[in-house]
Protein backbone atom coordinates (compact mmCIF):
# COMPACT_ATOMS: atom_id res chain seq x y z
CA MET A 1 24.16 24.04 4.02
CA ASN A 2 27.27 21.67 2.26
CA GLN A 3 28.43 24.06 -0.29
CA HIS A 4 28.40 27.82 -1.02
CA PRO A 5 25.54 29.18 -2.75
CA ARG A 6 25.80 30.70 -6.07
CA SER A 7 26.37 34.04 -6.35
CA GLY A 8 23.81 36.45 -6.62
CA SER A 9 21.14 33.88 -4.56
CA ILE A 10 19.00 33.92 -1.86
CA ALA A 11 21.12 32.40 1.03
CA TYR A 12 19.87 33.39 4.22
CA LEU A 13 16.73 34.62 5.63
CA GLN A 14 15.82 36.64 9.02
CA LEU A 15 11.99 36.15 9.52
CA PRO A 16 10.26 38.50 12.69
CA ALA A 17 8.88 36.67 14.78
CA THR A 18 7.15 37.78 18.48
CA ASP A 19 7.23 34.04 19.62
CA VAL A 20 10.37 32.24 18.28
CA ALA A 21 8.90 28.57 19.08
CA ARG A 22 5.80 28.93 17.74
CA SER A 23 7.03 30.41 14.62
CA ALA A 24 9.45 27.45 14.50
CA ALA A 25 6.40 24.82 15.21
CA PHE A 26 4.62 26.61 12.57
CA TYR A 27 6.98 26.45 9.32
CA GLN A 28 8.19 23.00 11.12
CA ALA A 29 4.38 21.78 10.62
CA ALA A 30 3.09 23.80 7.25
CA PHE A 31 5.77 23.52 5.08
CA GLY A 32 8.55 21.05 6.39
CA TRP A 33 11.43 23.25 7.42
CA SER A 34 14.05 21.56 9.99
CA ALA A 35 13.07 24.02 13.07
CA ASP A 36 15.41 24.48 16.44
CA GLY A 37 12.33 26.44 18.45
CA GLU A 38 14.88 27.01 21.17
CA HIS A 39 17.97 29.14 19.24
CA GLY A 40 15.43 30.42 15.98
CA ASP A 41 17.61 28.34 13.44
CA PHE A 42 16.16 27.02 10.74
CA GLU A 43 16.84 25.06 7.36
CA ALA A 44 14.47 25.20 4.40
CA SER A 45 15.36 23.76 0.85
CA GLY A 46 18.37 25.67 -0.56
CA MET A 47 18.31 28.16 2.28
CA ILE A 48 19.51 28.70 6.22
CA GLY A 49 18.03 31.47 8.33
CA GLN A 50 16.46 32.69 11.83
CA TRP A 51 13.71 33.69 13.30
CA THR A 52 14.01 37.34 15.06
CA THR A 53 11.99 39.23 17.76
CA ASP A 54 14.44 42.29 16.87
CA LEU A 55 12.24 43.27 14.10
CA ALA A 56 9.11 44.06 13.53
CA PRO A 57 6.41 41.26 11.79
CA ALA A 58 5.23 42.92 8.02
CA PRO A 59 1.79 42.19 7.51
CA ASP A 60 1.45 44.71 4.34
CA ALA A 61 4.53 46.10 3.73
CA GLY A 62 7.90 45.24 2.82
CA PRO A 63 9.39 42.00 0.75
CA VAL A 64 7.25 38.84 0.14
CA VAL A 65 8.57 35.32 0.98
CA TRP A 66 6.71 32.97 -1.19
CA ILE A 67 7.23 29.28 -0.50
CA TRP A 68 6.97 26.51 -3.06
CA VAL A 69 4.42 23.05 -2.28
CA ASP A 70 3.56 20.49 -3.92
CA GLN A 71 -0.28 20.34 -3.48
CA LEU A 72 -2.26 23.31 -2.53
CA TYR A 73 -5.01 22.35 -0.61
CA PRO A 74 -3.23 20.08 1.71
CA ALA A 75 -0.69 23.09 2.52
CA LEU A 76 -3.24 25.35 3.06
CA GLN A 77 -4.76 22.70 5.59
CA ARG A 78 -1.54 22.51 7.28
CA VAL A 79 -1.01 26.30 7.75
CA GLU A 80 -4.50 26.64 8.98
CA ALA A 81 -4.13 24.01 11.39
CA ALA A 82 -0.84 25.04 12.25
CA GLY A 83 -1.89 28.72 13.22
CA GLY A 84 -1.77 30.26 10.22
CA ARG A 85 -4.52 32.02 8.17
CA VAL A 86 -5.37 32.23 4.50
CA ARG A 87 -5.70 35.19 3.57
CA GLY A 88 -8.09 35.10 0.97
CA ARG A 89 -9.09 32.67 -1.77
CA PRO A 90 -5.82 31.26 -4.09
CA ARG A 91 -5.27 32.69 -7.77
CA PRO A 92 -4.33 31.28 -10.84
CA ASP A 93 -1.05 32.59 -12.75
CA ASP A 94 -0.94 32.53 -16.08
CA GLY A 95 -2.25 28.89 -16.06
CA GLU A 96 1.31 27.39 -14.74
CA ARG A 97 0.69 27.76 -10.89
CA TRP A 98 -1.63 28.57 -7.90
CA LEU A 99 -0.73 32.09 -5.68
CA ALA A 100 -1.96 32.34 -2.00
CA GLU A 101 -1.49 34.46 0.73
CA ILE A 102 -0.92 33.89 4.29
CA ASP A 103 -0.24 35.55 7.54
CA ASP A 104 2.18 33.39 9.80
CA PRO A 105 1.90 33.45 13.63
CA ALA A 106 3.63 36.63 13.98
CA GLY A 107 1.77 38.42 11.66
CA ASN A 108 4.12 38.18 8.44
CA ARG A 109 2.59 37.97 4.96
CA ILE A 110 3.86 34.80 3.60
CA GLY A 111 3.02 33.86 -0.08
CA VAL A 112 2.54 30.24 -0.92
CA VAL A 113 2.97 28.91 -4.59
CA ALA A 114 2.24 25.52 -6.18
CA PRO A 115 1.81 23.95 -9.73
CA ALA A 116 -1.00 23.99 -11.51
CA ARG A 117 -1.98 20.46 -13.01
CA THR A 118 -4.06 19.23 -15.72
CA ALA A 119 -7.28 17.22 -14.95
CA GLN A 120 -6.91 14.08 -13.28
CA ALA A 121 -9.34 11.29 -12.72
CA GLN A 122 -11.05 11.10 -9.13
CA THR A 123 -13.31 8.47 -9.35
CA LEU A 124 -16.21 8.25 -6.74
CA LEU A 125 -18.51 5.50 -5.80
CA GLY A 126 -21.87 5.28 -3.98
CA VAL A 127 -21.69 2.46 -1.41
CA ARG A 128 -23.93 1.22 1.05
CA ASP A 129 -21.61 1.49 3.97
CA VAL A 130 -18.79 4.02 3.60
CA GLU A 131 -16.34 2.89 6.44
CA ALA A 132 -16.45 -0.68 5.65
CA SER A 133 -15.60 0.01 1.81
CA SER A 134 -12.76 2.71 3.15
CA ARG A 135 -11.57 -0.35 5.21
CA TRP A 136 -11.97 -2.98 2.31
CA TYR A 137 -9.82 -0.55 -0.20
CA GLN A 138 -7.38 0.39 2.87
CA GLN A 139 -6.51 -2.97 3.25
CA LEU A 140 -6.48 -4.55 -0.73
CA LEU A 141 -4.61 -1.08 -2.08
CA GLY A 142 -2.68 0.15 1.12
CA LEU A 143 -4.60 3.44 0.48
CA ARG A 144 -4.60 6.16 2.97
CA SER A 145 -8.08 8.02 4.56
CA ASP A 146 -7.92 11.49 4.32
CA HIS A 147 -11.40 12.25 5.85
CA GLY A 148 -13.56 9.43 7.14
CA GLY A 149 -17.15 9.07 8.54
CA PRO A 150 -20.39 7.22 7.54
CA GLU A 151 -20.89 9.51 4.64
CA TYR A 152 -18.26 10.23 2.96
CA GLU A 153 -14.65 9.52 2.21
CA ARG A 154 -11.42 10.38 0.64
CA LEU A 155 -8.56 7.74 -0.30
CA LEU A 156 -5.26 8.88 -1.00
CA ALA A 157 -2.14 6.69 -2.71
CA ASP A 158 1.40 8.51 -2.20
CA ASP A 159 -0.80 11.88 -0.74
CA VAL A 160 -2.80 11.62 -4.29
CA LEU A 161 -6.28 11.52 -4.46
CA VAL A 162 -7.48 8.50 -6.14
CA LEU A 163 -11.04 6.89 -4.87
CA GLN A 164 -13.83 8.86 -2.90
CA LEU A 165 -16.80 6.96 -1.44
CA HIS A 166 -20.02 8.56 -0.59
CA HIS A 167 -23.46 6.92 0.72
CA ARG A 168 -25.64 6.21 -1.55
CA HIS A 169 -28.75 7.65 0.12
CA VAL A 170 -27.14 10.29 1.53
CA GLU A 171 -28.40 13.96 -0.77
CA HIS A 172 -26.09 16.46 0.94
CA HIS A 173 -26.12 19.44 -1.51
CA HIS A 174 -26.23 17.71 -4.77
CA GLY A 175 -29.45 15.19 -4.14
CA LEU A 176 -29.34 11.51 -5.00
CA PHE A 177 -26.98 10.38 -7.87
CA THR A 178 -27.20 6.37 -7.48
CA ASP A 179 -30.22 4.07 -8.49
CA ASP A 180 -31.41 1.15 -6.25
CA GLY A 181 -32.96 -0.38 -9.47
CA SER A 182 -29.69 -0.55 -11.34
CA ASP A 183 -26.80 -2.97 -11.28
CA VAL A 184 -23.90 -0.80 -10.12
CA GLY A 185 -20.98 0.61 -12.70
CA ASN A 186 -22.66 -0.97 -15.51
CA GLY A 187 -19.97 -0.97 -18.55
CA VAL A 188 -17.61 1.13 -15.93
CA LEU A 189 -13.88 -0.32 -14.59
CA VAL A 190 -12.71 1.23 -11.52
CA TRP A 191 -9.04 0.95 -12.29
CA PHE A 192 -6.40 0.75 -10.24
CA GLY A 193 -3.03 1.07 -12.01
CA GLU A 194 0.93 0.90 -11.33
CA VAL A 195 0.96 -1.26 -8.56
CA THR A 196 4.04 -2.26 -7.28
CA ASP A 197 3.01 -5.25 -4.82
CA PHE A 198 0.70 -6.70 -7.19
CA ASP A 199 1.33 -10.31 -5.64
CA GLY A 200 0.86 -8.86 -2.33
CA ALA A 201 -2.80 -6.92 -3.84
CA LEU A 202 -3.73 -10.61 -4.47
CA GLN A 203 -2.68 -12.43 -1.36
CA ARG A 204 -5.15 -9.28 0.42
CA ALA A 205 -7.87 -9.47 -2.21
CA ALA A 206 -8.25 -13.95 -0.96
CA ASP A 207 -7.77 -12.62 2.32
CA LEU A 208 -10.83 -10.31 1.94
CA GLY A 209 -12.60 -12.90 0.12
CA ALA A 210 -12.80 -11.07 -2.96
CA THR A 211 -15.13 -12.23 -6.28
CA VAL A 212 -12.82 -13.18 -8.77
CA VAL A 213 -14.16 -11.89 -12.08
CA ARG A 214 -11.21 -12.13 -14.27
CA PRO A 215 -8.04 -14.14 -12.98
CA PRO A 216 -4.38 -12.93 -13.07
CA HIS A 217 -3.39 -12.62 -16.99
CA ARG A 218 -0.86 -10.78 -18.78
CA ASN A 219 -1.70 -7.39 -20.82
CA PRO A 220 -1.13 -8.30 -23.33
CA PRO A 221 -1.08 -12.09 -23.54
CA GLN A 222 2.05 -14.02 -23.84
CA GLY A 223 3.42 -13.66 -27.14
CA GLN A 224 1.69 -10.58 -28.35
CA GLY A 225 4.03 -8.03 -27.88
CA ASN A 226 5.10 -5.27 -24.86
CA GLY A 227 2.54 -2.75 -24.60
CA PRO A 228 1.55 -2.20 -21.84
CA GLY A 229 3.60 -5.13 -20.39
CA HIS A 230 1.68 -5.91 -17.13
CA ARG A 231 -0.03 -7.82 -14.99
CA GLU A 232 -3.98 -7.32 -14.32
CA VAL A 233 -6.91 -9.34 -11.78
CA TRP A 234 -10.19 -8.12 -11.89
CA LEU A 235 -12.56 -8.37 -8.74
CA LYS A 236 -15.53 -7.41 -7.52
CA ASP A 237 -15.93 -4.87 -4.27
CA PRO A 238 -18.32 -5.07 -1.43
CA ASP A 239 -20.74 -3.31 -3.51
CA GLY A 240 -20.22 -5.64 -6.40
CA TYR A 241 -18.28 -2.74 -8.66
CA THR A 242 -15.99 -4.10 -11.01
CA ILE A 243 -12.33 -3.17 -9.92
CA VAL A 244 -9.08 -3.96 -12.02
CA ILE A 245 -5.70 -4.16 -10.05
CA ALA A 246 -2.60 -3.78 -12.77
CA SER A 247 0.89 -4.26 -12.11
CA THR A 248 3.44 -1.60 -13.04
CA ASP A 249 3.63 -1.22 -16.82
CA GLY A 250 6.64 -3.06 -18.45
CA GLU A 251 6.48 -5.29 -15.02
CA ALA A 252 5.67 -8.57 -17.35
CA TYR A 253 8.32 -7.60 -19.91
CA GLU A 254 8.89 -9.73 -22.22
CA VAL A 255 12.36 -10.87 -24.03
């Protein structure tokens, strides 16, 4: 720690462990702590501490340490993948945050806190070839696969879900939701905004042989103000959906 903590703040934490190296690996993988598995030291945001075998783990008694995470679902996935256990369904707290309880590898009861978010668009497209469409969107926009497979895909940007792909002829638990006799996406634009590398995206679209519906243009047109002041291109994806790639708002600001 580069400076002394404020008076009254919690600055040092001892966590019971049965296997220091295992606990170090868990907290490093699940929460990104800087850990020394050999000596048992760790550094978290605003705190340092140590795992110790001199204290018994506390599964159901004593203080509970609550750890802040940015997103609930990925954090719980990391907990289980790293050898922890989720203690039941998360619960909302006054609509402001989600609370979940876990057991770390030593058996300590630990709390996880995540922010509650407002509704967000999470577009799902019915496609003929999930894996081919996934590769297309990854190459065009630099998205990252978070699922994979021939039936369903989740694509992320900066660890945020921005697009789902589902095979047109696979029912799962919800039945079919597409009609092969209708044009796909009639009246709907699949919009990807705030694309920093707009010119790079144009080149990648050309490399993919994407059909251009509307060539690159400014929104609004030149001389008509600055809101939103970005550039757009409208394309067709492999299934015929019309997608829009828009640069960062203000990128084409007029002076």
